[in-house]
């Protein structure tokens, strides 16, 4: 199921500015708008269909998506995602953060062991 936003561009700009004010907007084909944060999150929206697409990798992109959905859902502007879906994303985000932290810690330990043997 795709995520849709039932509002206009000025409302989206307002929501996005609450999350991140250092990125930049650009126009896409077919009436789309794109916001790119400085830390790699990408938000796409098409006026005609209302469709939203989040892109990007890492914690910053997941956090941006989660924050936008939290703001828009409390205002009743989102369609296509239930509160259950949002809670699932929050849990998934938390799990991914823990996994990334574990991988970074293990990488640090391995590098330290390797440097002792060289």
PDB file of N, CA and C in Angstrom:
ATOM      1  N   UNK A   1       0.844  -1.174   0.000  1.00  0.00           N
ATOM      2  CA  UNK A   1       0.000   0.000   0.000  1.00  0.00           C
ATOM      3  C   UNK A   1       0.889   1.236   0.000  1.00  0.00           C
ATOM      4  N   UNK A   2       0.635   2.179  -0.874  1.00  0.00           N
ATOM      5  CA  UNK A   2       1.456   3.380  -0.922  1.00  0.00           C
ATOM      6  C   UNK A   2       0.949   4.419   0.073  1.00  0.00           C
ATOM      7  N   UNK A   3       1.843   5.267   0.478  1.00  0.00           N
ATOM      8  CA  UNK A   3       1.543   6.316   1.433  1.00  0.00           C
ATOM      9  C   UNK A   3       1.123   7.558   0.662  1.00  0.00           C
ATOM     10  N   UNK A   4       0.025   8.191   1.093  1.00  0.00           N
ATOM     11  CA  UNK A   4      -0.463   9.393   0.418  1.00  0.00           C
ATOM     12  C   UNK A   4      -0.686  10.504   1.422  1.00  0.00           C
ATOM     13  N   UNK A   5      -0.463  11.731   0.955  1.00  0.00           N
ATOM     14  CA  UNK A   5      -0.621  12.911   1.792  1.00  0.00           C
ATOM     15  C   UNK A   5      -1.772  13.749   1.262  1.00  0.00           C
ATOM     16  N   UNK A   6      -2.760  13.972   2.094  1.00  0.00           N
ATOM     17  CA  UNK A   6      -3.932  14.753   1.686  1.00  0.00           C
ATOM     18  C   UNK A   6      -3.800  16.209   2.068  1.00  0.00           C
ATOM     19  N   UNK A   7      -2.882  16.902   1.482  1.00  0.00           N
ATOM     20  CA  UNK A   7      -2.672  18.316   1.763  1.00  0.00           C
ATOM     21  C   UNK A   7      -1.950  18.976   0.613  1.00  0.00           C
ATOM     22  N   UNK A   8      -1.664  20.257   0.761  1.00  0.00           N
ATOM     23  CA  UNK A   8      -0.952  20.933  -0.329  1.00  0.00           C
ATOM     24  C   UNK A   8       0.524  21.125   0.027  1.00  0.00           C
ATOM     25  N   UNK A   9       1.262  21.646  -0.919  1.00  0.00           N
ATOM     26  CA  UNK A   9       2.711  21.750  -0.786  1.00  0.00           C
ATOM     27  C   UNK A   9       3.137  22.633   0.382  1.00  0.00           C
ATOM     28  N   UNK A  10       2.418  23.709   0.638  1.00  0.00           N
ATOM     29  CA  UNK A  10       2.803  24.590   1.746  1.00  0.00           C
ATOM     30  C   UNK A  10       2.707  23.865   3.092  1.00  0.00           C
ATOM     31  N   UNK A  11       1.741  22.967   3.216  1.00  0.00           N
ATOM     32  CA  UNK A  11       1.609  22.184   4.448  1.00  0.00           C
ATOM     33  C   UNK A  11       2.784  21.214   4.574  1.00  0.00           C
ATOM     34  N   UNK A  12       3.127  20.559   3.475  1.00  0.00           N
ATOM     35  CA  UNK A  12       4.272  19.641   3.487  1.00  0.00           C
ATOM     36  C   UNK A  12       5.549  20.399   3.854  1.00  0.00           C
ATOM     37  N   UNK A  13       5.739  21.566   3.274  1.00  0.00           N
ATOM     38  CA  UNK A  13       6.924  22.365   3.591  1.00  0.00           C
ATOM     39  C   UNK A  13       6.973  22.686   5.089  1.00  0.00           C
ATOM     40  N   UNK A  14       5.842  23.002   5.649  1.00  0.00           N
ATOM     41  CA  UNK A  14       5.756  23.312   7.080  1.00  0.00           C
ATOM     42  C   UNK A  14       6.166  22.102   7.919  1.00  0.00           C
ATOM     43  N   UNK A  15       5.635  20.926   7.587  1.00  0.00           N
ATOM     44  CA  UNK A  15       5.967  19.704   8.320  1.00  0.00           C
ATOM     45  C   UNK A  15       7.451  19.382   8.192  1.00  0.00           C
ATOM     46  N   UNK A  16       7.977  19.475   6.981  1.00  0.00           N
ATOM     47  CA  UNK A  16       9.381  19.160   6.744  1.00  0.00           C
ATOM     48  C   UNK A  16      10.289  20.137   7.496  1.00  0.00           C
ATOM     49  N   UNK A  17       9.915  21.414   7.539  1.00  0.00           N
ATOM     50  CA  UNK A  17      10.749  22.397   8.233  1.00  0.00           C
ATOM     51  C   UNK A  17      10.806  22.131   9.734  1.00  0.00           C
ATOM     52  N   UNK A  18       9.792  21.464  10.278  1.00  0.00           N
ATOM     53  CA  UNK A  18       9.833  21.090  11.699  1.00  0.00           C
ATOM     54  C   UNK A  18      10.871  20.003  11.957  1.00  0.00           C
ATOM     55  N   UNK A  19      11.135  19.199  10.934  1.00  0.00           N
ATOM     56  CA  UNK A  19      12.063  18.074  11.073  1.00  0.00           C
ATOM     57  C   UNK A  19      13.482  18.491  10.708  1.00  0.00           C
ATOM     58  N   UNK A  20      13.608  19.209   9.597  1.00  0.00           N
ATOM     59  CA  UNK A  20      14.931  19.545   9.072  1.00  0.00           C
ATOM     60  C   UNK A  20      14.824  20.846   8.282  1.00  0.00           C
ATOM     61  N   UNK A  21      15.665  21.816   8.617  1.00  0.00           N
ATOM     62  CA  UNK A  21      15.603  23.094   7.892  1.00  0.00           C
ATOM     63  C   UNK A  21      16.896  23.393   7.136  1.00  0.00           C
ATOM     64  N   UNK A  22      17.784  22.398   7.048  1.00  0.00           N
ATOM     65  CA  UNK A  22      19.061  22.626   6.373  1.00  0.00           C
ATOM     66  C   UNK A  22      19.121  22.032   4.981  1.00  0.00           C
ATOM     67  N   UNK A  23      18.106  21.295   4.571  1.00  0.00           N
ATOM     68  CA  UNK A  23      18.113  20.674   3.252  1.00  0.00           C
ATOM     69  C   UNK A  23      17.620  21.642   2.184  1.00  0.00           C
ATOM     70  N   UNK A  24      17.268  21.085   1.030  1.00  0.00           N
ATOM     71  CA  UNK A  24      16.794  21.930  -0.062  1.00  0.00           C
ATOM     72  C   UNK A  24      15.708  21.208  -0.868  1.00  0.00           C
ATOM     73  N   UNK A  25      14.812  21.999  -1.438  1.00  0.00           N
ATOM     74  CA  UNK A  25      13.718  21.510  -2.283  1.00  0.00           C
ATOM     75  C   UNK A  25      14.113  21.627  -3.745  1.00  0.00           C
ATOM     76  N   UNK A  26      13.557  20.731  -4.564  1.00  0.00           N
ATOM     77  CA  UNK A  26      13.686  20.863  -6.014  1.00  0.00           C
ATOM     78  C   UNK A  26      12.441  20.276  -6.669  1.00  0.00           C
ATOM     79  N   UNK A  27      12.181  20.700  -7.887  1.00  0.00           N
ATOM     80  CA  UNK A  27      11.037  20.200  -8.641  1.00  0.00           C
ATOM     81  C   UNK A  27      11.393  18.894  -9.338  1.00  0.00           C
ATOM     82  N   UNK A  28      10.426  17.976  -9.377  1.00  0.00           N
ATOM     83  CA  UNK A  28      10.568  16.714 -10.099  1.00  0.00           C
ATOM     84  C   UNK A  28       9.617  16.714 -11.289  1.00  0.00           C
ATOM     85  N   UNK A  29       9.764  15.725 -12.142  1.00  0.00           N
ATOM     86  CA  UNK A  29       8.846  15.566 -13.270  1.00  0.00           C
ATOM     87  C   UNK A  29       7.440  15.280 -12.761  1.00  0.00           C
ATOM     88  N   UNK A  30       6.481  15.576 -13.591  1.00  0.00           N
ATOM     89  CA  UNK A  30       5.075  15.245 -13.345  1.00  0.00           C
ATOM     90  C   UNK A  30       4.515  15.885 -12.077  1.00  0.00           C
ATOM     91  N   UNK A  31       4.975  17.099 -11.772  1.00  0.00           N
ATOM     92  CA  UNK A  31       4.424  17.837 -10.639  1.00  0.00           C
ATOM     93  C   UNK A  31       4.941  17.400  -9.281  1.00  0.00           C
ATOM     94  N   UNK A  32       6.057  16.710  -9.262  1.00  0.00           N
ATOM     95  CA  UNK A  32       6.616  16.246  -7.996  1.00  0.00           C
ATOM     96  C   UNK A  32       7.532  17.262  -7.354  1.00  0.00           C
ATOM     97  N   UNK A  33       7.705  17.109  -6.067  1.00  0.00           N
ATOM     98  CA  UNK A  33       8.636  17.927  -5.286  1.00  0.00           C
ATOM     99  C   UNK A  33       9.544  16.976  -4.520  1.00  0.00           C
ATOM    100  N   UNK A  34      10.796  17.386  -4.351  1.00  0.00           N
ATOM    101  CA  UNK A  34      11.746  16.557  -3.621  1.00  0.00           C
ATOM    102  C   UNK A  34      12.490  17.414  -2.607  1.00  0.00           C
ATOM    103  N   UNK A  35      12.623  16.855  -1.396  1.00  0.00           N
ATOM    104  CA  UNK A  35      13.418  17.504  -0.356  1.00  0.00           C
ATOM    105  C   UNK A  35      14.576  16.587  -0.008  1.00  0.00           C
ATOM    106  N   UNK A  36      15.781  17.126  -0.035  1.00  0.00           N
ATOM    107  CA  UNK A  36      16.985  16.364   0.317  1.00  0.00           C
ATOM    108  C   UNK A  36      17.624  17.000   1.547  1.00  0.00           C
ATOM    109  N   UNK A  37      17.814  16.176   2.576  1.00  0.00           N
ATOM    110  CA  UNK A  37      18.487  16.679   3.775  1.00  0.00           C
ATOM    111  C   UNK A  37      19.994  16.618   3.554  1.00  0.00           C
ATOM    112  N   UNK A  38      20.713  17.329   4.379  1.00  0.00           N
ATOM    113  CA  UNK A  38      22.170  17.315   4.288  1.00  0.00           C
ATOM    114  C   UNK A  38      22.768  15.995   4.763  1.00  0.00           C
ATOM    115  N   UNK A  39      21.974  15.193   5.483  1.00  0.00           N
ATOM    116  CA  UNK A  39      22.509  13.926   5.991  1.00  0.00           C
ATOM    117  C   UNK A  39      21.959  12.704   5.268  1.00  0.00           C
ATOM    118  N   UNK A  40      21.387  12.894   4.072  1.00  0.00           N
ATOM    119  CA  UNK A  40      21.076  11.756   3.215  1.00  0.00           C
ATOM    120  C   UNK A  40      19.637  11.293   3.114  1.00  0.00           C
ATOM    121  N   UNK A  41      18.718  11.900   3.844  1.00  0.00           N
ATOM    122  CA  UNK A  41      17.307  11.532   3.724  1.00  0.00           C
ATOM    123  C   UNK A  41      16.705  12.254   2.516  1.00  0.00           C
ATOM    124  N   UNK A  42      15.817  11.558   1.804  1.00  0.00           N
ATOM    125  CA  UNK A  42      15.167  12.135   0.628  1.00  0.00           C
ATOM    126  C   UNK A  42      13.661  11.906   0.748  1.00  0.00           C
ATOM    127  N   UNK A  43      12.895  12.976   0.533  1.00  0.00           N
ATOM    128  CA  UNK A  43      11.441  12.946   0.610  1.00  0.00           C
ATOM    129  C   UNK A  43      10.890  13.376  -0.746  1.00  0.00           C
ATOM    130  N   UNK A  44      10.052  12.541  -1.360  1.00  0.00           N
ATOM    131  CA  UNK A  44       9.438  12.858  -2.654  1.00  0.00           C
ATOM    132  C   UNK A  44       7.923  12.904  -2.482  1.00  0.00           C
ATOM    133  N   UNK A  45       7.273  13.864  -3.156  1.00  0.00           N
ATOM    134  CA  UNK A  45       5.825  14.000  -3.095  1.00  0.00           C
ATOM    135  C   UNK A  45       5.299  14.478  -4.450  1.00  0.00           C
ATOM    136  N   UNK A  46       4.195  13.856  -4.902  1.00  0.00           N
ATOM    137  CA  UNK A  46       3.558  14.252  -6.148  1.00  0.00           C
ATOM    138  C   UNK A  46       2.176  14.807  -5.843  1.00  0.00           C
ATOM    139  N   UNK A  47       1.948  16.034  -6.301  1.00  0.00           N
ATOM    140  CA  UNK A  47       0.720  16.765  -5.993  1.00  0.00           C
ATOM    141  C   UNK A  47      -0.532  16.052  -6.493  1.00  0.00           C
ATOM    142  N   UNK A  48      -0.523  15.625  -7.747  1.00  0.00           N
ATOM    143  CA  UNK A  48      -1.725  15.050  -8.355  1.00  0.00           C
ATOM    144  C   UNK A  48      -2.215  13.794  -7.625  1.00  0.00           C
ATOM    145  N   UNK A  49      -1.303  12.897  -7.320  1.00  0.00           N
ATOM    146  CA  UNK A  49      -1.693  11.636  -6.677  1.00  0.00           C
ATOM    147  C   UNK A  49      -1.613  11.706  -5.155  1.00  0.00           C
ATOM    148  N   UNK A  50      -0.823  12.653  -4.641  1.00  0.00           N
ATOM    149  CA  UNK A  50      -0.600  12.740  -3.206  1.00  0.00           C
ATOM    150  C   UNK A  50       0.423  11.731  -2.704  1.00  0.00           C
ATOM    151  N   UNK A  51       0.990  10.940  -3.608  1.00  0.00           N
ATOM    152  CA  UNK A  51       1.908   9.865  -3.231  1.00  0.00           C
ATOM    153  C   UNK A  51       3.200  10.420  -2.621  1.00  0.00           C
ATOM    154  N   UNK A  52       3.637   9.736  -1.565  1.00  0.00           N
ATOM    155  CA  UNK A  52       4.884  10.075  -0.887  1.00  0.00           C
ATOM    156  C   UNK A  52       5.839   8.894  -1.029  1.00  0.00           C
ATOM    157  N   UNK A  53       7.110   9.210  -1.246  1.00  0.00           N
ATOM    158  CA  UNK A  53       8.143   8.192  -1.312  1.00  0.00           C
ATOM    159  C   UNK A  53       9.344   8.695  -0.521  1.00  0.00           C
ATOM    160  N   UNK A  54       9.777   7.902   0.445  1.00  0.00           N
ATOM    161  CA  UNK A  54      10.967   8.222   1.225  1.00  0.00           C
ATOM    162  C   UNK A  54      12.131   7.421   0.662  1.00  0.00           C
ATOM    163  N   UNK A  55      13.299   8.047   0.624  1.00  0.00           N
ATOM    164  CA  UNK A  55      14.504   7.380   0.165  1.00  0.00           C
ATOM    165  C   UNK A  55      15.656   7.730   1.089  1.00  0.00           C
ATOM    166  N   UNK A  56      16.755   7.007   0.924  1.00  0.00           N
ATOM    167  CA  UNK A  56      17.951   7.273   1.718  1.00  0.00           C
ATOM    168  C   UNK A  56      18.301   6.057   2.545  1.00  0.00           C
ATOM    169  N   UNK A  57      19.504   6.062   3.053  1.00  0.00           N
ATOM    170  CA  UNK A  57      19.999   4.937   3.842  1.00  0.00           C
ATOM    171  C   UNK A  57      20.419   5.419   5.215  1.00  0.00           C
ATOM    172  N   UNK A  58      20.385   4.523   6.147  1.00  0.00           N
ATOM    173  CA  UNK A  58      20.892   4.821   7.477  1.00  0.00           C
ATOM    174  C   UNK A  58      19.851   5.386   8.419  1.00  0.00           C
ATOM    175  N   UNK A  59      20.329   5.663   9.618  1.00  0.00           N
ATOM    176  CA  UNK A  59      19.456   6.124  10.693  1.00  0.00           C
ATOM    177  C   UNK A  59      18.810   7.470  10.378  1.00  0.00           C
ATOM    178  N   UNK A  60      19.533   8.354   9.709  1.00  0.00           N
ATOM    179  CA  UNK A  60      18.995   9.687   9.417  1.00  0.00           C
ATOM    180  C   UNK A  60      17.757   9.601   8.519  1.00  0.00           C
ATOM    181  N   UNK A  61      17.803   8.741   7.513  1.00  0.00           N
ATOM    182  CA  UNK A  61      16.668   8.593   6.602  1.00  0.00           C
ATOM    183  C   UNK A  61      15.472   7.980   7.322  1.00  0.00           C
ATOM    184  N   UNK A  62      15.731   6.963   8.148  1.00  0.00           N
ATOM    185  CA  UNK A  62      14.646   6.337   8.900  1.00  0.00           C
ATOM    186  C   UNK A  62      14.028   7.314   9.893  1.00  0.00           C
ATOM    187  N   UNK A  63      14.875   8.097  10.527  1.00  0.00           N
ATOM    188  CA  UNK A  63      14.387   9.076  11.500  1.00  0.00           C
ATOM    189  C   UNK A  63      13.544  10.149  10.818  1.00  0.00           C
ATOM    190  N   UNK A  64      13.990  10.615   9.651  1.00  0.00           N
ATOM    191  CA  UNK A  64      13.231  11.628   8.916  1.00  0.00           C
ATOM    192  C   UNK A  64      11.844  11.086   8.556  1.00  0.00           C
ATOM    193  N   UNK A  65      11.808   9.871   8.011  1.00  0.00           N
ATOM    194  CA  UNK A  65      10.535   9.251   7.630  1.00  0.00           C
ATOM    195  C   UNK A  65       9.625   9.106   8.839  1.00  0.00           C
ATOM    196  N   UNK A  66      10.165   8.627   9.907  1.00  0.00           N
ATOM    197  CA  UNK A  66       9.379   8.396  11.122  1.00  0.00           C
ATOM    198  C   UNK A  66       8.820   9.717  11.670  1.00  0.00           C
ATOM    199  N   UNK A  67       9.638  10.746  11.700  1.00  0.00           N
ATOM    200  CA  UNK A  67       9.187  12.035  12.219  1.00  0.00           C
ATOM    201  C   UNK A  67       8.119  12.656  11.320  1.00  0.00           C
ATOM    202  N   UNK A  68       8.304  12.560  10.000  1.00  0.00           N
ATOM    203  CA  UNK A  68       7.288  13.105   9.099  1.00  0.00           C
ATOM    204  C   UNK A  68       5.961  12.379   9.300  1.00  0.00           C
ATOM    205  N   UNK A  69       6.012  11.068   9.367  1.00  0.00           N
ATOM    206  CA  UNK A  69       4.782  10.294   9.518  1.00  0.00           C
ATOM    207  C   UNK A  69       4.108  10.598  10.859  1.00  0.00           C
ATOM    208  N   UNK A  70       4.893  10.817  11.891  1.00  0.00           N
ATOM    209  CA  UNK A  70       4.314  11.149  13.193  1.00  0.00           C
ATOM    210  C   UNK A  70       3.603  12.499  13.144  1.00  0.00           C
ATOM    211  N   UNK A  71       4.232  13.487  12.530  1.00  0.00           N
ATOM    212  CA  UNK A  71       3.620  14.822  12.432  1.00  0.00           C
ATOM    213  C   UNK A  71       2.368  14.775  11.573  1.00  0.00           C
ATOM    214  N   UNK A  72       2.487  14.197  10.377  1.00  0.00           N
ATOM    215  CA  UNK A  72       1.361  14.180   9.440  1.00  0.00           C
ATOM    216  C   UNK A  72       0.204  13.329   9.943  1.00  0.00           C
ATOM    217  N   UNK A  73       0.506  12.228  10.626  1.00  0.00           N
ATOM    218  CA  UNK A  73      -0.585  11.365  11.092  1.00  0.00           C
ATOM    219  C   UNK A  73      -1.346  12.004  12.241  1.00  0.00           C
ATOM    220  N   UNK A  74      -0.663  12.777  13.081  1.00  0.00           N
ATOM    221  CA  UNK A  74      -1.377  13.439  14.170  1.00  0.00           C
ATOM    222  C   UNK A  74      -2.294  14.535  13.641  1.00  0.00           C
ATOM    223  N   UNK A  75      -1.972  15.058  12.478  1.00  0.00           N
ATOM    224  CA  UNK A  75      -2.816  16.074  11.849  1.00  0.00           C
ATOM    225  C   UNK A  75      -3.887  15.457  10.951  1.00  0.00           C
ATOM    226  N   UNK A  76      -3.897  14.128  10.837  1.00  0.00           N
ATOM    227  CA  UNK A  76      -4.899  13.442  10.018  1.00  0.00           C
ATOM    228  C   UNK A  76      -4.705  13.597   8.529  1.00  0.00           C
ATOM    229  N   UNK A  77      -3.475  13.829   8.095  1.00  0.00           N
ATOM    230  CA  UNK A  77      -3.194  14.093   6.680  1.00  0.00           C
ATOM    231  C   UNK A  77      -2.706  12.881   5.906  1.00  0.00           C
ATOM    232  N   UNK A  78      -2.365  11.789   6.595  1.00  0.00           N
ATOM    233  CA  UNK A  78      -1.829  10.623   5.895  1.00  0.00           C
ATOM    234  C   UNK A  78      -2.904   9.586   5.629  1.00  0.00           C
ATOM    235  N   UNK A  79      -2.764   8.932   4.494  1.00  0.00           N
ATOM    236  CA  UNK A  79      -3.611   7.784   4.161  1.00  0.00           C
ATOM    237  C   UNK A  79      -2.690   6.663   3.731  1.00  0.00           C
ATOM    238  N   UNK A  80      -3.071   5.443   4.069  1.00  0.00           N
ATOM    239  CA  UNK A  80      -2.284   4.305   3.619  1.00  0.00           C
ATOM    240  C   UNK A  80      -1.448   3.661   4.700  1.00  0.00           C
ATOM    241  N   UNK A  81      -1.301   4.290   5.825  1.00  0.00           N
ATOM    242  CA  UNK A  81      -0.561   3.714   6.946  1.00  0.00           C
ATOM    243  C   UNK A  81      -1.418   3.855   8.192  1.00  0.00           C
ATOM    244  N   UNK A  82      -1.510   2.796   8.937  1.00  0.00           N
ATOM    245  CA  UNK A  82      -2.266   2.854  10.180  1.00  0.00           C
ATOM    246  C   UNK A  82      -1.322   3.152  11.340  1.00  0.00           C
ATOM    247  N   UNK A  83      -1.874   3.424  12.498  1.00  0.00           N
ATOM    248  CA  UNK A  83      -1.065   3.651  13.689  1.00  0.00           C
ATOM    249  C   UNK A  83      -0.229   2.426  14.000  1.00  0.00           C
ATOM    250  N   UNK A  84      -0.779   1.241  13.721  1.00  0.00           N
ATOM    251  CA  UNK A  84      -0.035   0.005  13.925  1.00  0.00           C
ATOM    252  C   UNK A  84       1.228  -0.002  13.056  1.00  0.00           C
ATOM    253  N   UNK A  85       1.083   0.444  11.800  1.00  0.00           N
ATOM    254  CA  UNK A  85       2.229   0.503  10.900  1.00  0.00           C
ATOM    255  C   UNK A  85       3.298   1.448  11.441  1.00  0.00           C
ATOM    256  N   UNK A  86       2.864   2.588  12.000  1.00  0.00           N
ATOM    257  CA  UNK A  86       3.815   3.548  12.550  1.00  0.00           C
ATOM    258  C   UNK A  86       4.544   2.963  13.753  1.00  0.00           C
ATOM    259  N   UNK A  87       3.821   2.253  14.598  1.00  0.00           N
ATOM    260  CA  UNK A  87       4.452   1.617  15.755  1.00  0.00           C
ATOM    261  C   UNK A  87       5.441   0.553  15.295  1.00  0.00           C
ATOM    262  N   UNK A  88       5.086  -0.178  14.255  1.00  0.00           N
ATOM    263  CA  UNK A  88       5.999  -1.172  13.686  1.00  0.00           C
ATOM    264  C   UNK A  88       7.269  -0.524  13.165  1.00  0.00           C
ATOM    265  N   UNK A  89       7.133   0.631  12.508  1.00  0.00           N
ATOM    266  CA  UNK A  89       8.310   1.350  12.010  1.00  0.00           C
ATOM    267  C   UNK A  89       9.173   1.849  13.158  1.00  0.00           C
ATOM    268  N   UNK A  90       8.547   2.310  14.225  1.00  0.00           N
ATOM    269  CA  UNK A  90       9.321   2.768  15.388  1.00  0.00           C
ATOM    270  C   UNK A  90      10.143   1.613  15.971  1.00  0.00           C
ATOM    271  N   UNK A  91       9.505   0.450  16.107  1.00  0.00           N
ATOM    272  CA  UNK A  91      10.211  -0.714  16.644  1.00  0.00           C
ATOM    273  C   UNK A  91      11.334  -1.155  15.700  1.00  0.00           C
ATOM    274  N   UNK A  92      11.039  -1.148  14.406  1.00  0.00           N
ATOM    275  CA  UNK A  92      12.055  -1.529  13.420  1.00  0.00           C
ATOM    276  C   UNK A  92      13.227  -0.554  13.459  1.00  0.00           C
ATOM    277  N   UNK A  93      12.928   0.723  13.584  1.00  0.00           N
ATOM    278  CA  UNK A  93      13.957   1.751  13.663  1.00  0.00           C
ATOM    279  C   UNK A  93      14.840   1.520  14.885  1.00  0.00           C
ATOM    280  N   UNK A  94      14.228   1.215  16.009  1.00  0.00           N
ATOM    281  CA  UNK A  94      14.979   0.956  17.233  1.00  0.00           C
ATOM    282  C   UNK A  94      15.878  -0.275  17.076  1.00  0.00           C
ATOM    283  N   UNK A  95      15.342  -1.330  16.485  1.00  0.00           N
ATOM    284  CA  UNK A  95      16.112  -2.549  16.251  1.00  0.00           C
ATOM    285  C   UNK A  95      17.289  -2.282  15.322  1.00  0.00           C
ATOM    286  N   UNK A  96      17.052  -1.535  14.247  1.00  0.00           N
ATOM    287  CA  UNK A  96      18.126  -1.222  13.302  1.00  0.00           C
ATOM    288  C   UNK A  96      19.223  -0.391  13.956  1.00  0.00           C
ATOM    289  N   UNK A  97      18.846   0.536  14.805  1.00  0.00           N
ATOM    290  CA  UNK A  97      19.847   1.348  15.501  1.00  0.00           C
ATOM    291  C   UNK A  97      20.731   0.466  16.396  1.00  0.00           C
ATOM    292  N   UNK A  98      20.094  -0.476  17.090  1.00  0.00           N
ATOM    293  CA  UNK A  98      20.863  -1.381  17.950  1.00  0.00           C
ATOM    294  C   UNK A  98      21.805  -2.246  17.120  1.00  0.00           C
ATOM    295  N   UNK A  99      21.321  -2.735  15.985  1.00  0.00           N
ATOM    296  CA  UNK A  99      22.168  -3.560  15.119  1.00  0.00           C
ATOM    297  C   UNK A  99      23.351  -2.771  14.577  1.00  0.00           C
ATOM    298  N   UNK A 100      23.112  -1.544  14.163  1.00  0.00           N
ATOM    299  CA  UNK A 100      24.195  -0.704  13.653  1.00  0.00           C
ATOM    300  C   UNK A 100      25.221  -0.451  14.759  1.00  0.00           C
ATOM    301  N   UNK A 101      24.752  -0.173  15.966  1.00  0.00           N
ATOM    302  CA  UNK A 101      25.662   0.054  17.091  1.00  0.00           C
ATOM    303  C   UNK A 101      26.493  -1.195  17.369  1.00  0.00           C
ATOM    304  N   UNK A 102      25.862  -2.366  17.327  1.00  0.00           N
ATOM    305  CA  UNK A 102      26.583  -3.621  17.551  1.00  0.00           C
ATOM    306  C   UNK A 102      27.641  -3.862  16.479  1.00  0.00           C
ATOM    307  N   UNK A 103      27.293  -3.605  15.230  1.00  0.00           N
ATOM    308  CA  UNK A 103      28.235  -3.798  14.127  1.00  0.00           C
ATOM    309  C   UNK A 103      29.413  -2.837  14.262  1.00  0.00           C
ATOM    310  N   UNK A 104      29.147  -1.593  14.615  1.00  0.00           N
ATOM    311  CA  UNK A 104      30.235  -0.624  14.778  1.00  0.00           C
ATOM    312  C   UNK A 104      31.155  -1.009  15.931  1.00  0.00           C
ATOM    313  N   UNK A 105      30.581  -1.476  17.013  1.00  0.00           N
ATOM    314  CA  UNK A 105      31.377  -1.903  18.161  1.00  0.00           C
ATOM    315  C   UNK A 105      32.245  -3.115  17.808  1.00  0.00           C
ATOM    316  N   UNK A 106      31.655  -4.078  17.130  1.00  0.00           N
ATOM    317  CA  UNK A 106      32.407  -5.267  16.718  1.00  0.00           C
ATOM    318  C   UNK A 106      33.515  -4.903  15.733  1.00  0.00           C
ATOM    319  N   UNK A 107      33.239  -4.002  14.830  1.00  0.00           N
ATOM    320  CA  UNK A 107      34.242  -3.545  13.869  1.00  0.00           C
ATOM    321  C   UNK A 107      35.410  -2.888  14.598  1.00  0.00           C
ATOM    322  N   UNK A 108      35.095  -2.069  15.585  1.00  0.00           N
ATOM    323  CA  UNK A 108      36.141  -1.421  16.378  1.00  0.00           C
ATOM    324  C   UNK A 108      36.997  -2.464  17.092  1.00  0.00           C
ATOM    325  N   UNK A 109      36.357  -3.461  17.691  1.00  0.00           N
ATOM    326  CA  UNK A 109      37.091  -4.514  18.405  1.00  0.00           C
ATOM    327  C   UNK A 109      38.005  -5.294  17.457  1.00  0.00           C
ATOM    328  N   UNK A 110      37.492  -5.634  16.289  1.00  0.00           N
ATOM    329  CA  UNK A 110      38.299  -6.381  15.317  1.00  0.00           C
ATOM    330  C   UNK A 110      39.493  -5.564  14.832  1.00  0.00           C
ATOM    331  N   UNK A 111      39.278  -4.291  14.586  1.00  0.00           N
ATOM    332  CA  UNK A 111      40.392  -3.432  14.149  1.00  0.00           C
ATOM    333  C   UNK A 111      41.452  -3.328  15.229  1.00  0.00           C
ATOM    334  N   UNK A 112      41.006  -3.248  16.473  1.00  0.00           N
ATOM    335  CA  UNK A 112      41.949  -3.162  17.591  1.00  0.00           C
ATOM    336  C   UNK A 112      42.771  -4.446  17.699  1.00  0.00           C
ATOM    337  N   UNK A 113      42.110  -5.599  17.559  1.00  0.00           N
ATOM    338  CA  UNK A 113      42.822  -6.890  17.610  1.00  0.00           C
ATOM    339  C   UNK A 113      43.802  -7.014  16.440  1.00  0.00           C
ATOM    340  N   UNK A 114      43.364  -6.588  15.271  1.00  0.00           N
ATOM    341  CA  UNK A 114      44.213  -6.666  14.082  1.00  0.00           C
ATOM    342  C   UNK A 114      45.448  -5.782  14.220  1.00  0.00           C
ATOM    343  N   UNK A 115      45.272  -4.607  14.782  1.00  0.00           N
ATOM    344  CA  UNK A 115      46.420  -3.701  14.942  1.00  0.00           C
ATOM    345  C   UNK A 115      47.438  -4.248  15.924  1.00  0.00           C
ATOM    346  N   UNK A 116      47.011  -5.078  16.888  1.00  0.00           N
ATOM    347  CA  UNK A 116      47.942  -5.687  17.842  1.00  0.00           C
ATOM    348  C   UNK A 116      48.816  -6.727  17.145  1.00  0.00           C
ATOM    349  N   UNK A 117      48.292  -7.389  16.127  1.00  0.00           N
ATOM    350  CA  UNK A 117      49.006  -8.461  15.443  1.00  0.00           C
ATOM    351  C   UNK A 117      49.893  -7.946  14.294  1.00  0.00           C
ATOM    352  N   UNK A 118      49.764  -6.713  13.956  1.00  0.00           N
ATOM    353  CA  UNK A 118      50.580  -6.176  12.844  1.00  0.00           C
ATOM    354  C   UNK A 118      51.835  -5.532  13.313  1.00  0.00           C
TER     355      UNK A 118
END
